[in-house]
Amino acid sequence: MKQLSFSRIFGTFGIAALSCITMQAASTFNFDNDAVGTNTQFTDTSNGISATFLSPGDPGGFSIQPSIFQALSGNALGDPGSAGTQGLSLEIDFNTNLSALSLVFATADFGTASPLTLTAYEGSSQKNSVSATGIVPANFTFPEGELAISGLFNRVVISSPAPDFAIDNVAAVAAPEPSTLLLGLSLSVMGLIPLRRRFFAKRYASALLSVVALSVLSVTAKAVTPVFPLPASSVSTVPANGDVNPYGVAYVPTNVPAGVLQKGDVLVSNFNNAENLQGTGTTIVRISQSGAQSLFYQSPVVGLSAALGILSNGMVIVGNLPTADGTSATARAGSVQIIDRNGHLLGSLISVTLVDGPWGLAVHENGNGTAQLFISNVLSGTVVRFNLSYDAGGETIALSSAVTIGSGFTHRGDPAALELGPSGLAYDAAHDILYVASSADNAVYALNGAGAATTSLGTGTLVFQDVVHLHGPLDLVLTPTGHLLVANSDGSNVDPNQPSELVEFTTAGAFVAQFSVDPNNGGAFGLNMFNVGWGTVRVAAVDDNANLLRLWTTVLQ
């Protein structure tokens, strides 16, 4: 009896079997059409296949997040979600049997990379399991990799010993119809001698499934954001009209609706005009992620201050403290303007008792179309909470109520700084504490219960007063690790050996570190931070001396 070689059988009949399987189109789940902030459990459908993503930590175990990775582009699905739980597994249930699946992943490892394991099930029966460990791409922070699995399954579970992980580009291939698969396999083994039939059929079916897995990876790859050009590290804040003295800094949220503002943009308000007269600037400039600068808003009123913030619907809030000649003698109460995401004025908050030189700002959104807006008034030494309601489209906003929650802060006019008093604000929503930077007495105070207070809390509790490291603190940021960053304006207690310092403290008042944004005094004013996720933050601070916005990305471990 003549024996046929495996290569001959593959050459004669393998094409038929291969075409039967690879004709099944891959369905790719890349999360780019899901809204940022969407939490598990949810279901997506692609090319007729539905996938339900869920975890033991639901609701909110995993969430859709903007990617901070190389291979995972656009949006990715990662933990922790809104529930804040780490160390979770992720399950994906499919509405049909699959023959192959692939995905790209990243793990939250700062040292040795942890493996990611992908286990396939048909119902409750485990069918296959694969693991892989990622590598850190050049100019990126976290290990990234890819996994592919084959077999017959309708559910997968993804797990890792890393505290968090993220996935993207989940490419699923539906299992062929049974009749088609049997036909292909019968053709492929036809003519084999009986003793070898089972061996070759098993090997050949395995080879076909491997080909399917490889084809998924090659066909469904998503465009990767290029490394270059790298984002600018400093950008001019001077617009065409020549405004100078940048004060406020605000990051555009990731879920802002379509408009002029784009996620990751930074807005900067200018306090002085081209003649460098304090309290006469009228512009807000927009800095894109690529470092391009453009005019976002031209204000009808002058003296745009460091009281600058942005709501998730794209509404921009900015305070102004106007002067007639650049001196504190002519300083006036000003207002708080509300601007839409396209740079159009919607309205203003004006009150002789509640708005009196808005100098600093903090916003807390409740997630239900309402927010708490905290404003520090440098001319009266007060802090006010405005309760707002607004639409998701960013077109309408209403004031529900307002209350003075802080009072009695030291304040005074100054020939160099213009005004000293309550300035930067940072709100800790988890503990309902509003931190207040006081530039007049080089201190930081805490207003406990600021979000619920119905009367004034006075100056609250003194957190720390440090004449060595604080020099007219103007702006204030609360980091994801719970520390406070302070921008020293050098408006008081000037130290030529510590010019234009950004200073880090614990909320207990312990000094941690400092960093100078300019070699001369008077350069550190506005400051803000954007939490990218997984310990990665972007920091933006103005250098008032050079009229620049300086930008950094760092990892908090």
Protein backbone atom coordinates (compact mmCIF):
# COMPACT_ATOMS: atom_id res chain seq x y z
CA MET A 1 0.00 0.00 0.00
CA LYS A 2 1.36 3.37 -1.00
CA GLN A 3 1.63 5.87 1.87
CA LEU A 4 0.88 9.55 1.27
CA SER A 5 3.11 12.07 3.02
CA PHE A 6 1.63 14.78 5.27
CA SER A 7 3.06 17.49 3.02
CA ARG A 8 1.35 16.01 0.02
CA ILE A 9 -1.99 15.83 1.79
CA PHE A 10 -1.64 19.45 2.96
CA GLY A 11 -0.77 20.55 -0.55
CA THR A 12 -3.72 18.70 -2.07
CA PHE A 13 -6.46 19.30 0.43
CA GLY A 14 -5.18 21.79 3.05
CA ILE A 15 -6.23 24.87 1.07
CA ALA A 16 -9.86 23.78 1.18
CA ALA A 17 -9.82 23.31 4.93
CA LEU A 18 -7.88 26.51 5.54
CA SER A 19 -10.29 28.58 3.49
CA CYS A 20 -13.25 27.11 5.36
CA ILE A 21 -11.91 28.47 8.64
CA THR A 22 -10.25 31.76 7.74
CA MET A 23 -13.36 32.94 5.88
CA GLN A 24 -14.77 33.63 9.34
CA ALA A 25 -14.34 37.39 9.78
CA ALA A 26 -12.72 38.65 12.98
CA SER A 27 -14.79 40.87 15.25
CA THR A 28 -12.63 43.49 16.95
CA PHE A 29 -13.53 45.20 20.22
CA ASN A 30 -11.28 48.27 20.54
CA PHE A 31 -13.47 50.39 22.88
CA ASP A 32 -12.99 53.55 20.80
CA ASN A 33 -16.75 53.97 20.38
CA ASP A 34 -17.39 53.53 24.10
CA ALA A 35 -17.62 56.65 26.24
CA VAL A 36 -14.69 57.24 28.57
CA GLY A 37 -15.83 56.35 32.08
CA THR A 38 -18.11 53.47 30.99
CA ASN A 39 -17.90 50.85 33.74
CA THR A 40 -18.24 47.10 33.70
CA GLN A 41 -20.63 45.36 33.31
CA PHE A 42 -21.39 46.34 29.68
CA THR A 43 -21.89 44.67 26.29
CA ASP A 44 -20.38 45.61 22.92
CA THR A 45 -21.22 44.12 19.54
CA SER A 46 -18.92 43.84 16.53
CA ASN A 47 -19.56 42.06 13.23
CA GLY A 48 -22.41 40.02 14.70
CA ILE A 49 -20.56 38.90 17.84
CA SER A 50 -21.62 40.30 21.21
CA ALA A 51 -19.17 40.41 24.09
CA THR A 52 -20.14 41.15 27.70
CA PHE A 53 -17.32 42.48 29.88
CA LEU A 54 -17.67 41.92 33.63
CA SER A 55 -15.61 41.43 36.77
CA PRO A 56 -16.01 40.35 40.42
CA GLY A 57 -15.68 44.04 41.42
CA ASP A 58 -18.75 45.23 39.51
CA PRO A 59 -20.35 47.63 39.29
CA GLY A 60 -17.29 49.61 38.30
CA GLY A 61 -14.54 47.00 38.51
CA PHE A 62 -13.11 48.03 35.13
CA SER A 63 -13.74 51.15 33.08
CA ILE A 64 -13.08 52.63 29.64
CA GLN A 65 -10.01 54.87 29.93
CA PRO A 66 -7.94 56.91 27.47
CA SER A 67 -4.86 54.89 26.62
CA ILE A 68 -1.48 55.91 28.02
CA PHE A 69 0.23 53.06 26.19
CA GLN A 70 1.83 52.40 22.81
CA ALA A 71 0.17 49.20 21.53
CA LEU A 72 -3.13 50.02 23.23
CA SER A 73 -4.30 53.07 21.29
CA GLY A 74 -7.40 55.25 21.56
CA ASN A 75 -9.44 53.90 24.47
CA ALA A 76 -8.60 50.83 26.54
CA LEU A 77 -10.45 48.80 29.18
CA GLY A 78 -8.61 48.74 32.49
CA ASP A 79 -8.89 48.66 36.23
CA PRO A 80 -9.45 50.16 38.64
CA GLY A 81 -12.83 51.44 37.53
CA SER A 82 -15.11 53.69 39.55
CA ALA A 83 -15.22 51.11 42.34
CA GLY A 84 -11.50 51.70 42.95
CA THR A 85 -10.77 47.99 43.46
CA GLN A 86 -7.43 46.52 42.39
CA GLY A 87 -6.31 42.94 41.75
CA LEU A 88 -9.44 41.98 39.81
CA SER A 89 -9.89 39.44 37.02
CA LEU A 90 -11.85 40.33 33.90
CA GLU A 91 -14.36 38.00 32.25
CA ILE A 92 -15.63 38.26 28.66
CA ASP A 93 -18.75 36.26 27.73
CA PHE A 94 -19.58 35.80 24.04
CA ASN A 95 -22.94 35.07 22.44
CA THR A 96 -21.43 32.38 20.20
CA ASN A 97 -18.63 29.86 20.18
CA LEU A 98 -15.22 31.12 19.09
CA SER A 99 -12.31 29.35 17.45
CA ALA A 100 -9.66 31.98 18.22
CA LEU A 101 -9.12 35.18 20.15
CA SER A 102 -6.27 37.66 20.51
CA LEU A 103 -5.71 40.88 22.46
CA VAL A 104 -3.03 43.37 23.45
CA PHE A 105 -2.44 44.23 27.10
CA ALA A 106 -0.50 46.29 29.61
CA THR A 107 0.23 45.54 33.27
CA ALA A 108 0.72 48.07 36.06
CA ASP A 109 4.24 47.03 37.00
CA PHE A 110 6.98 49.46 37.98
CA GLY A 111 9.60 46.75 38.44
CA THR A 112 9.56 43.15 37.18
CA ALA A 113 6.75 42.58 34.69
CA SER A 114 3.90 40.32 35.80
CA PRO A 115 2.39 37.70 33.47
CA LEU A 116 -1.10 38.06 32.08
CA THR A 117 -3.10 34.83 31.79
CA LEU A 118 -5.92 34.21 29.33
CA THR A 119 -8.09 31.17 30.10
CA ALA A 120 -10.77 29.92 27.70
CA TYR A 121 -13.94 28.10 28.74
CA GLU A 122 -16.90 26.51 27.04
CA GLY A 123 -19.53 27.13 29.66
CA SER A 124 -17.90 26.00 32.91
CA SER A 125 -15.45 23.63 31.24
CA GLN A 126 -11.89 24.93 30.86
CA LYS A 127 -10.55 24.42 27.34
CA ASN A 128 -7.19 26.19 27.13
CA SER A 129 -4.95 28.66 28.93
CA VAL A 130 -2.03 30.84 27.81
CA SER A 131 0.19 33.40 29.55
CA ALA A 132 2.58 36.10 28.43
CA THR A 133 4.73 38.79 30.00
CA GLY A 134 4.96 42.22 28.42
CA ILE A 135 7.98 44.43 27.83
CA VAL A 136 8.25 48.18 28.32
CA PRO A 137 8.34 50.01 24.93
CA ALA A 138 10.85 52.80 24.48
CA ASN A 139 9.61 56.12 25.93
CA PHE A 140 6.73 54.42 27.73
CA THR A 141 6.26 53.34 31.34
CA PHE A 142 4.43 50.01 31.61
CA PRO A 143 5.01 46.50 30.19
CA GLU A 144 2.91 45.75 27.10
CA GLY A 145 2.33 42.53 25.18
CA GLU A 146 -0.13 40.39 23.23
CA LEU A 147 -1.86 37.07 23.70
CA ALA A 148 -3.65 34.67 21.35
CA ILE A 149 -5.63 31.56 22.17
CA SER A 150 -7.45 28.95 20.07
CA GLY A 151 -9.88 26.10 20.56
CA LEU A 152 -13.65 25.97 20.89
CA PHE A 153 -14.90 28.30 23.64
CA ASN A 154 -17.47 31.02 24.46
CA ARG A 155 -15.98 32.63 27.56
CA VAL A 156 -12.54 33.85 28.63
CA VAL A 157 -11.14 35.01 31.96
CA ILE A 158 -8.14 37.36 32.09
CA SER A 159 -6.06 37.64 35.24
CA SER A 160 -2.68 38.85 36.46
CA PRO A 161 -0.78 39.17 39.75
CA ALA A 162 -0.17 42.82 38.77
CA PRO A 163 -2.31 45.25 40.78
CA ASP A 164 -4.01 46.48 37.59
CA PHE A 165 -4.05 45.67 33.89
CA ALA A 166 -5.63 47.01 30.71
CA ILE A 167 -6.62 45.38 27.41
CA ASP A 168 -7.41 46.54 23.89
CA ASN A 169 -7.98 45.19 20.37
CA VAL A 170 -9.86 42.08 21.48
CA ALA A 171 -10.19 40.21 18.16
CA ALA A 172 -12.62 37.27 18.19
CA VAL A 173 -13.14 34.70 15.40
CA ALA A 174 -16.44 32.82 15.43
CA ALA A 175 -16.18 29.04 15.24
CA PRO A 176 -17.10 27.65 11.77
CA GLU A 177 -20.36 25.86 11.26
CA PRO A 178 -19.91 22.20 12.25
CA SER A 179 -20.67 20.86 8.75
CA THR A 180 -18.11 23.13 7.14
CA LEU A 181 -15.43 22.23 9.63
CA LEU A 182 -16.05 18.49 9.28
CA LEU A 183 -15.94 18.78 5.51
CA GLY A 184 -12.59 20.54 5.63
CA LEU A 185 -11.14 18.05 8.06
CA SER A 186 -12.44 15.06 6.12
CA LEU A 187 -10.83 16.38 2.96
CA SER A 188 -7.57 17.00 4.76
CA VAL A 189 -7.22 13.45 6.08
CA MET A 190 -8.57 11.60 3.05
CA GLY A 191 -6.21 8.86 1.88
CA LEU A 192 -4.29 8.46 5.14
CA ILE A 193 -3.62 4.91 6.20
CA PRO A 194 -5.77 3.86 9.21
CA LEU A 195 -2.92 3.70 11.74
CA ARG A 196 -1.85 7.28 11.07
CA ARG A 197 -5.26 8.94 10.59
CA ARG A 198 -5.89 10.04 14.17
CA PHE A 199 -2.36 11.39 14.61
CA PHE A 200 -2.37 13.53 11.49
CA ALA A 201 -5.96 14.75 11.94
CA LYS A 202 -5.15 15.99 15.43
CA ARG A 203 -1.89 17.66 14.36
CA TYR A 204 -3.48 19.24 11.30
CA ALA A 205 -6.48 20.63 13.20
CA SER A 206 -4.08 22.15 15.73
CA ALA A 207 -2.04 23.68 12.93
CA LEU A 208 -5.15 25.24 11.42
CA LEU A 209 -6.20 26.79 14.71
CA SER A 210 -2.72 28.25 15.14
CA VAL A 211 -2.95 29.78 11.67
CA VAL A 212 -6.30 31.31 12.64
CA ALA A 213 -4.81 32.85 15.79
CA LEU A 214 -1.91 34.31 13.82
CA SER A 215 -4.22 35.68 11.15
CA VAL A 216 -6.27 37.47 13.77
CA LEU A 217 -3.19 39.29 15.01
CA SER A 218 -2.13 40.36 11.54
CA VAL A 219 -5.54 41.43 10.25
CA THR A 220 -6.95 43.31 13.22
CA ALA A 221 -3.98 45.43 14.28
CA LYS A 222 -5.06 49.00 15.14
CA ALA A 223 -3.08 52.07 14.22
CA VAL A 224 -0.58 53.01 16.93
CA THR A 225 0.02 56.62 17.92
CA PRO A 226 3.57 57.48 16.86
CA VAL A 227 6.16 58.38 19.47
CA PHE A 228 7.25 61.48 17.56
CA PRO A 229 6.83 64.36 17.67
CA LEU A 230 7.19 64.41 21.43
CA PRO A 231 4.93 66.87 23.29
CA ALA A 232 6.45 70.28 23.91
CA SER A 233 8.02 70.80 27.34
CA SER A 234 7.33 74.54 27.33
CA VAL A 235 4.97 76.71 25.29
CA SER A 236 4.54 80.49 25.07
CA THR A 237 1.37 81.81 26.69
CA VAL A 238 1.46 85.18 24.90
CA PRO A 239 -1.42 85.56 22.40
CA ALA A 240 -1.52 87.88 19.38
CA ASN A 241 -2.70 90.88 21.46
CA GLY A 242 0.43 90.65 23.65
CA ASP A 243 -1.21 89.75 27.00
CA VAL A 244 1.32 88.58 29.60
CA ASN A 245 1.50 87.41 33.23
CA PRO A 246 -0.11 83.94 32.93
CA TYR A 247 -2.05 83.02 36.07
CA GLY A 248 -4.64 80.24 35.86
CA VAL A 249 -3.99 76.73 34.52
CA ALA A 250 -6.67 74.11 33.77
CA TYR A 251 -6.65 70.73 32.01
CA VAL A 252 -9.51 69.83 29.65
CA PRO A 253 -11.25 66.63 30.88
CA THR A 254 -11.05 63.42 28.85
CA ASN A 255 -14.81 63.16 28.25
CA VAL A 256 -15.40 66.72 26.99
CA PRO A 257 -18.01 66.84 24.16
CA ALA A 258 -16.87 67.63 20.63
CA GLY A 259 -15.94 71.28 20.12
CA VAL A 260 -12.93 73.57 20.09
CA LEU A 261 -11.60 72.04 23.31
CA GLN A 262 -10.00 68.61 23.01
CA LYS A 263 -9.17 66.18 25.80
CA GLY A 264 -5.71 66.81 27.16
CA ASP A 265 -5.64 70.49 26.14
CA VAL A 266 -4.45 73.00 28.73
CA LEU A 267 -6.02 76.44 29.18
CA VAL A 268 -4.07 79.40 30.59
CA SER A 269 -5.55 82.77 31.64
CA ASN A 270 -3.54 85.99 31.30
CA PHE A 271 -3.77 88.62 34.06
CA ASN A 272 -1.86 91.53 32.44
CA ASN A 273 -2.15 93.31 29.09
CA ALA A 274 0.65 93.95 26.61
CA GLU A 275 1.81 96.95 28.69
CA ASN A 276 2.20 94.57 31.65
CA LEU A 277 -0.36 96.40 33.78
CA GLN A 278 -1.74 94.06 36.44
CA GLY A 279 -5.44 93.29 36.29
CA THR A 280 -5.85 94.27 32.63
CA GLY A 281 -5.38 90.99 30.68
CA THR A 282 -8.33 89.65 28.69
CA THR A 283 -7.31 86.33 27.14
CA ILE A 284 -7.42 82.59 27.71
CA VAL A 285 -5.07 80.64 25.45
CA ARG A 286 -5.41 76.97 24.54
CA ILE A 287 -2.34 74.70 24.46
CA SER A 288 -2.94 71.47 22.53
CA GLN A 289 -1.24 68.19 23.40
CA SER A 290 1.14 68.77 20.49
CA GLY A 291 2.15 72.14 21.98
CA ALA A 292 0.28 74.38 19.54
CA GLN A 293 -1.00 77.60 21.11
CA SER A 294 -4.18 79.40 20.03
CA LEU A 295 -6.60 81.97 21.41
CA PHE A 296 -9.57 80.29 23.12
CA TYR A 297 -11.40 83.27 24.62
CA GLN A 298 -11.27 87.06 24.46
CA SER A 299 -12.95 88.45 27.57
CA PRO A 300 -15.08 91.61 27.59
CA VAL A 301 -13.83 92.25 31.14
CA VAL A 302 -10.21 92.58 32.26
CA GLY A 303 -7.88 90.93 34.79
CA LEU A 304 -8.41 87.18 34.28
CA SER A 305 -7.07 85.58 37.45
CA ALA A 306 -5.88 82.15 38.62
CA ALA A 307 -9.51 81.20 39.31
CA LEU A 308 -9.77 78.94 36.25
CA GLY A 309 -11.51 75.57 35.91
CA ILE A 310 -13.34 73.31 33.45
CA LEU A 311 -16.41 71.11 33.89
CA SER A 312 -16.72 67.71 32.20
CA ASN A 313 -19.23 69.16 29.71
CA GLY A 314 -16.58 71.62 28.49
CA MET A 315 -17.83 74.69 30.34
CA VAL A 316 -14.94 76.94 31.34
CA ILE A 317 -15.14 78.99 34.54
CA VAL A 318 -12.82 81.98 35.05
CA GLY A 319 -12.67 84.78 37.60
CA ASN A 320 -11.46 88.31 37.01
CA LEU A 321 -10.09 91.03 39.27
CA PRO A 322 -9.91 94.27 37.26
CA THR A 323 -7.80 97.36 37.84
CA ALA A 324 -7.82 100.72 36.10
CA ASP A 325 -4.07 101.34 36.23
CA GLY A 326 -2.41 98.09 37.35
CA THR A 327 -2.33 98.97 41.07
CA SER A 328 -4.22 97.64 44.07
CA ALA A 329 -5.63 101.13 44.68
CA THR A 330 -7.97 100.68 41.71
CA ALA A 331 -8.73 96.95 42.18
CA ARG A 332 -12.43 96.06 41.88
CA ALA A 333 -14.61 93.08 42.81
CA GLY A 334 -14.83 91.56 39.32
CA SER A 335 -16.95 88.56 38.37
CA VAL A 336 -16.95 84.85 37.53
CA GLN A 337 -17.59 84.14 33.84
CA ILE A 338 -19.03 80.91 32.39
CA ILE A 339 -17.85 80.09 28.85
CA ASP A 340 -18.86 77.20 26.61
CA ARG A 341 -16.38 74.74 25.08
CA ASN A 342 -16.24 76.79 21.88
CA GLY A 343 -15.17 80.00 23.62
CA HIS A 344 -18.56 81.76 23.80
CA LEU A 345 -19.67 83.59 26.95
CA LEU A 346 -22.79 82.03 28.52
CA GLY A 347 -23.11 84.32 31.53
CA SER A 348 -21.46 85.69 34.67
CA LEU A 349 -21.78 85.44 38.44
CA ILE A 350 -21.78 88.95 39.90
CA SER A 351 -22.55 89.64 43.56
CA VAL A 352 -21.36 92.38 45.89
CA THR A 353 -21.33 89.91 48.79
CA LEU A 354 -20.24 86.64 47.15
CA VAL A 355 -17.79 87.64 44.40
CA ASP A 356 -15.09 90.02 45.62
CA GLY A 357 -11.83 89.55 43.78
CA PRO A 358 -12.01 85.85 42.72
CA TRP A 359 -8.40 84.67 43.08
CA GLY A 360 -8.53 80.86 43.26
CA LEU A 361 -10.97 78.11 42.27
CA ALA A 362 -11.79 74.44 42.83
CA VAL A 363 -14.58 72.40 41.23
CA HIS A 364 -16.18 69.18 42.45
CA GLU A 365 -18.60 67.46 40.08
CA ASN A 366 -21.18 65.14 41.60
CA GLY A 367 -21.71 63.16 38.38
CA ASN A 368 -25.42 63.92 38.09
CA GLY A 369 -25.39 67.27 36.33
CA THR A 370 -24.54 69.19 39.48
CA ALA A 371 -21.29 70.60 40.82
CA GLN A 372 -19.85 72.55 43.71
CA LEU A 373 -17.75 75.56 42.73
CA PHE A 374 -15.43 76.96 45.40
CA ILE A 375 -14.08 80.51 44.94
CA SER A 376 -11.56 82.39 47.11
CA ASN A 377 -12.09 86.17 47.33
CA VAL A 378 -8.79 87.97 47.88
CA LEU A 379 -10.36 91.42 48.45
CA SER A 380 -12.58 90.30 51.33
CA GLY A 381 -10.71 87.29 52.76
CA THR A 382 -13.62 84.90 52.16
CA VAL A 383 -14.30 81.57 50.47
CA VAL A 384 -17.68 80.92 48.83
CA ARG A 385 -19.33 77.69 47.61
CA PHE A 386 -21.67 77.95 44.63
CA ASN A 387 -23.96 74.98 43.95
CA LEU A 388 -24.52 74.64 40.21
CA SER A 389 -26.64 72.51 37.86
CA TYR A 390 -25.98 72.15 34.15
CA ASP A 391 -26.73 70.09 31.05
CA ALA A 392 -24.46 67.42 29.58
CA GLY A 393 -24.19 69.30 26.28
CA GLY A 394 -22.56 72.30 27.95
CA GLU A 395 -25.13 74.90 26.87
CA THR A 396 -27.08 75.76 30.01
CA ILE A 397 -26.08 76.30 33.63
CA ALA A 398 -27.99 77.50 36.69
CA LEU A 399 -27.05 78.64 40.18
CA SER A 400 -28.97 76.66 42.80
CA SER A 401 -27.55 78.28 45.92
CA ALA A 402 -24.48 79.96 47.37
CA VAL A 403 -22.98 80.23 50.84
CA THR A 404 -19.88 81.78 52.37
CA ILE A 405 -18.04 78.84 53.96
CA GLY A 406 -14.78 80.59 54.89
CA SER A 407 -14.05 84.04 56.31
CA GLY A 408 -11.51 86.02 58.28
CA PHE A 409 -8.49 85.20 56.11
CA THR A 410 -5.72 87.79 56.19
CA HIS A 411 -5.74 89.96 53.06
CA ARG A 412 -4.10 93.16 51.88
CA GLY A 413 -2.99 95.07 48.82
CA ASP A 414 0.64 94.81 47.74
CA PRO A 415 2.64 96.97 45.33
CA ALA A 416 4.35 93.93 43.76
CA ALA A 417 1.82 91.10 44.07
CA LEU A 418 -1.20 93.44 43.71
CA GLU A 419 -3.20 91.46 46.30
CA LEU A 420 -2.34 88.95 49.02
CA GLY A 421 -4.90 86.76 50.77
CA PRO A 422 -6.81 83.48 50.28
CA SER A 423 -5.67 82.14 46.92
CA GLY A 424 -5.34 78.59 45.61
CA LEU A 425 -7.96 75.98 46.53
CA ALA A 426 -7.82 72.16 46.44
CA TYR A 427 -10.82 70.01 47.34
CA ASP A 428 -10.54 66.50 48.81
CA ALA A 429 -13.96 65.09 47.97
CA ALA A 430 -13.34 61.77 49.76
CA HIS A 431 -12.97 63.57 53.11
CA ASP A 432 -14.93 66.76 52.32
CA ILE A 433 -11.94 69.02 53.03
CA LEU A 434 -11.18 72.23 51.16
CA TYR A 435 -7.54 73.30 51.42
CA VAL A 436 -6.87 77.05 51.17
CA ALA A 437 -3.48 78.60 50.36
CA SER A 438 -3.02 81.96 52.07
CA SER A 439 -0.41 84.14 50.36
CA ALA A 440 -0.58 86.87 53.04
CA ASP A 441 0.65 84.71 55.94
CA ASN A 442 2.43 81.84 54.12
CA ALA A 443 0.08 79.17 55.35
CA VAL A 444 -2.33 76.46 54.20
CA TYR A 445 -5.66 76.01 55.99
CA ALA A 446 -8.28 73.24 55.89
CA LEU A 447 -12.03 73.85 55.84
CA ASN A 448 -13.47 70.55 57.09
CA GLY A 449 -16.99 69.85 55.85
CA ALA A 450 -16.72 72.46 53.09
CA GLY A 451 -19.09 70.60 50.76
CA ALA A 452 -21.91 70.44 53.29
CA ALA A 453 -21.40 73.60 55.35
CA THR A 454 -24.37 75.97 55.57
CA THR A 455 -22.51 78.72 57.45
CA SER A 456 -18.97 80.04 57.59
CA LEU A 457 -16.27 77.79 59.01
CA GLY A 458 -14.02 80.80 59.63
CA THR A 459 -10.43 80.08 58.61
CA GLY A 460 -10.83 76.41 59.53
CA THR A 461 -7.76 74.54 60.77
CA LEU A 462 -4.19 75.62 60.18
CA VAL A 463 -2.52 72.72 58.36
CA PHE A 464 0.94 74.24 58.15
CA GLN A 465 2.67 77.63 58.18
CA ASP A 466 6.22 77.41 56.85
CA VAL A 467 8.22 80.60 56.34
CA VAL A 468 11.17 78.55 55.06
CA HIS A 469 9.36 76.86 52.16
CA LEU A 470 6.32 79.08 51.57
CA HIS A 471 6.75 82.43 49.84
CA GLY A 472 3.37 83.88 48.96
CA PRO A 473 1.62 80.60 48.00
CA LEU A 474 -0.70 81.37 45.11
CA ASP A 475 -1.97 78.08 43.66
CA LEU A 476 -2.65 74.68 45.20
CA VAL A 477 -3.13 71.13 43.85
CA LEU A 478 -4.02 67.86 45.60
CA THR A 479 -2.12 64.93 44.05
CA PRO A 480 -3.54 61.39 43.59
CA THR A 481 -1.17 60.28 46.37
CA GLY A 482 -2.72 62.75 48.79
CA HIS A 483 0.06 65.35 48.85
CA LEU A 484 -0.33 69.08 48.28
CA LEU A 485 1.62 70.96 45.62
CA VAL A 486 2.00 74.70 46.21
CA ALA A 487 3.10 77.34 43.69
CA ASN A 488 5.04 80.13 45.44
CA SER A 489 4.51 83.54 43.80
CA ASP A 490 7.26 85.16 45.91
CA GLY A 491 4.70 87.83 46.70
CA SER A 492 5.76 87.74 50.34
CA ASN A 493 8.64 86.36 52.37
CA VAL A 494 10.92 86.43 49.31
CA ASP A 495 14.01 84.21 49.42
CA PRO A 496 16.47 84.70 46.52
CA ASN A 497 17.90 81.25 47.24
CA GLN A 498 14.51 79.61 46.56
CA PRO A 499 13.10 81.41 43.51
CA SER A 500 9.80 80.51 41.85
CA GLU A 501 9.38 77.29 43.80
CA LEU A 502 6.81 74.54 43.46
CA VAL A 503 6.72 72.86 46.87
CA GLU A 504 5.31 69.48 47.92
CA PHE A 505 3.86 68.87 51.39
CA THR A 506 1.89 66.10 53.02
CA THR A 507 -1.57 67.07 54.23
CA ALA A 508 -0.16 66.79 57.74
CA GLY A 509 2.21 69.65 56.91
CA ALA A 510 5.48 67.77 56.42
CA PHE A 511 7.75 69.20 53.74
CA VAL A 512 8.57 66.66 50.99
CA ALA A 513 10.40 68.36 48.11
CA GLN A 514 10.66 71.51 46.02
CA PHE A 515 11.38 72.45 42.43
CA SER A 516 12.13 75.81 40.79
CA VAL A 517 10.41 76.73 37.51
CA ASP A 518 12.59 79.81 36.94
CA PRO A 519 16.01 80.99 38.23
CA ASN A 520 14.54 84.35 39.30
CA ASN A 521 11.88 85.21 41.87
CA GLY A 522 8.24 85.75 40.93
CA GLY A 523 7.80 83.05 38.27
CA ALA A 524 5.55 80.40 39.89
CA PHE A 525 1.85 81.27 39.70
CA GLY A 526 -0.68 78.88 38.16
CA LEU A 527 -0.34 75.12 38.67
CA ASN A 528 -2.43 72.09 37.80
CA MET A 529 -2.22 68.32 37.51
CA PHE A 530 -3.97 65.79 35.27
CA ASN A 531 -4.32 62.23 36.55
CA VAL A 532 -3.69 59.98 33.55
CA GLY A 533 -4.08 56.82 35.62
CA TRP A 534 -1.87 53.98 36.89
CA GLY A 535 0.18 56.43 38.90
CA THR A 536 0.99 58.57 35.86
CA VAL A 537 0.29 62.31 36.05
CA ARG A 538 0.84 65.33 33.85
CA VAL A 539 1.89 68.54 35.57
CA ALA A 540 1.48 72.01 34.09
CA ALA A 541 2.85 75.18 35.71
CA VAL A 542 3.29 78.69 34.40
CA ASP A 543 6.61 80.52 34.44
CA ASP A 544 5.39 84.08 34.80
CA ASN A 545 8.83 85.58 34.24
CA ALA A 546 9.21 83.97 30.82
CA ASN A 547 5.47 83.88 29.95
CA LEU A 548 5.67 80.14 29.40
CA LEU A 549 3.66 77.09 30.31
CA ARG A 550 5.99 74.32 31.45
CA LEU A 551 4.82 70.70 31.08
CA TRP A 552 5.99 67.42 32.60
CA THR A 553 4.82 63.81 32.77
CA THR A 554 5.87 61.74 35.77
CA VAL A 555 5.01 58.52 37.57
CA LEU A 556 4.00 58.56 41.26
CA GLN A 557 4.96 55.27 42.89
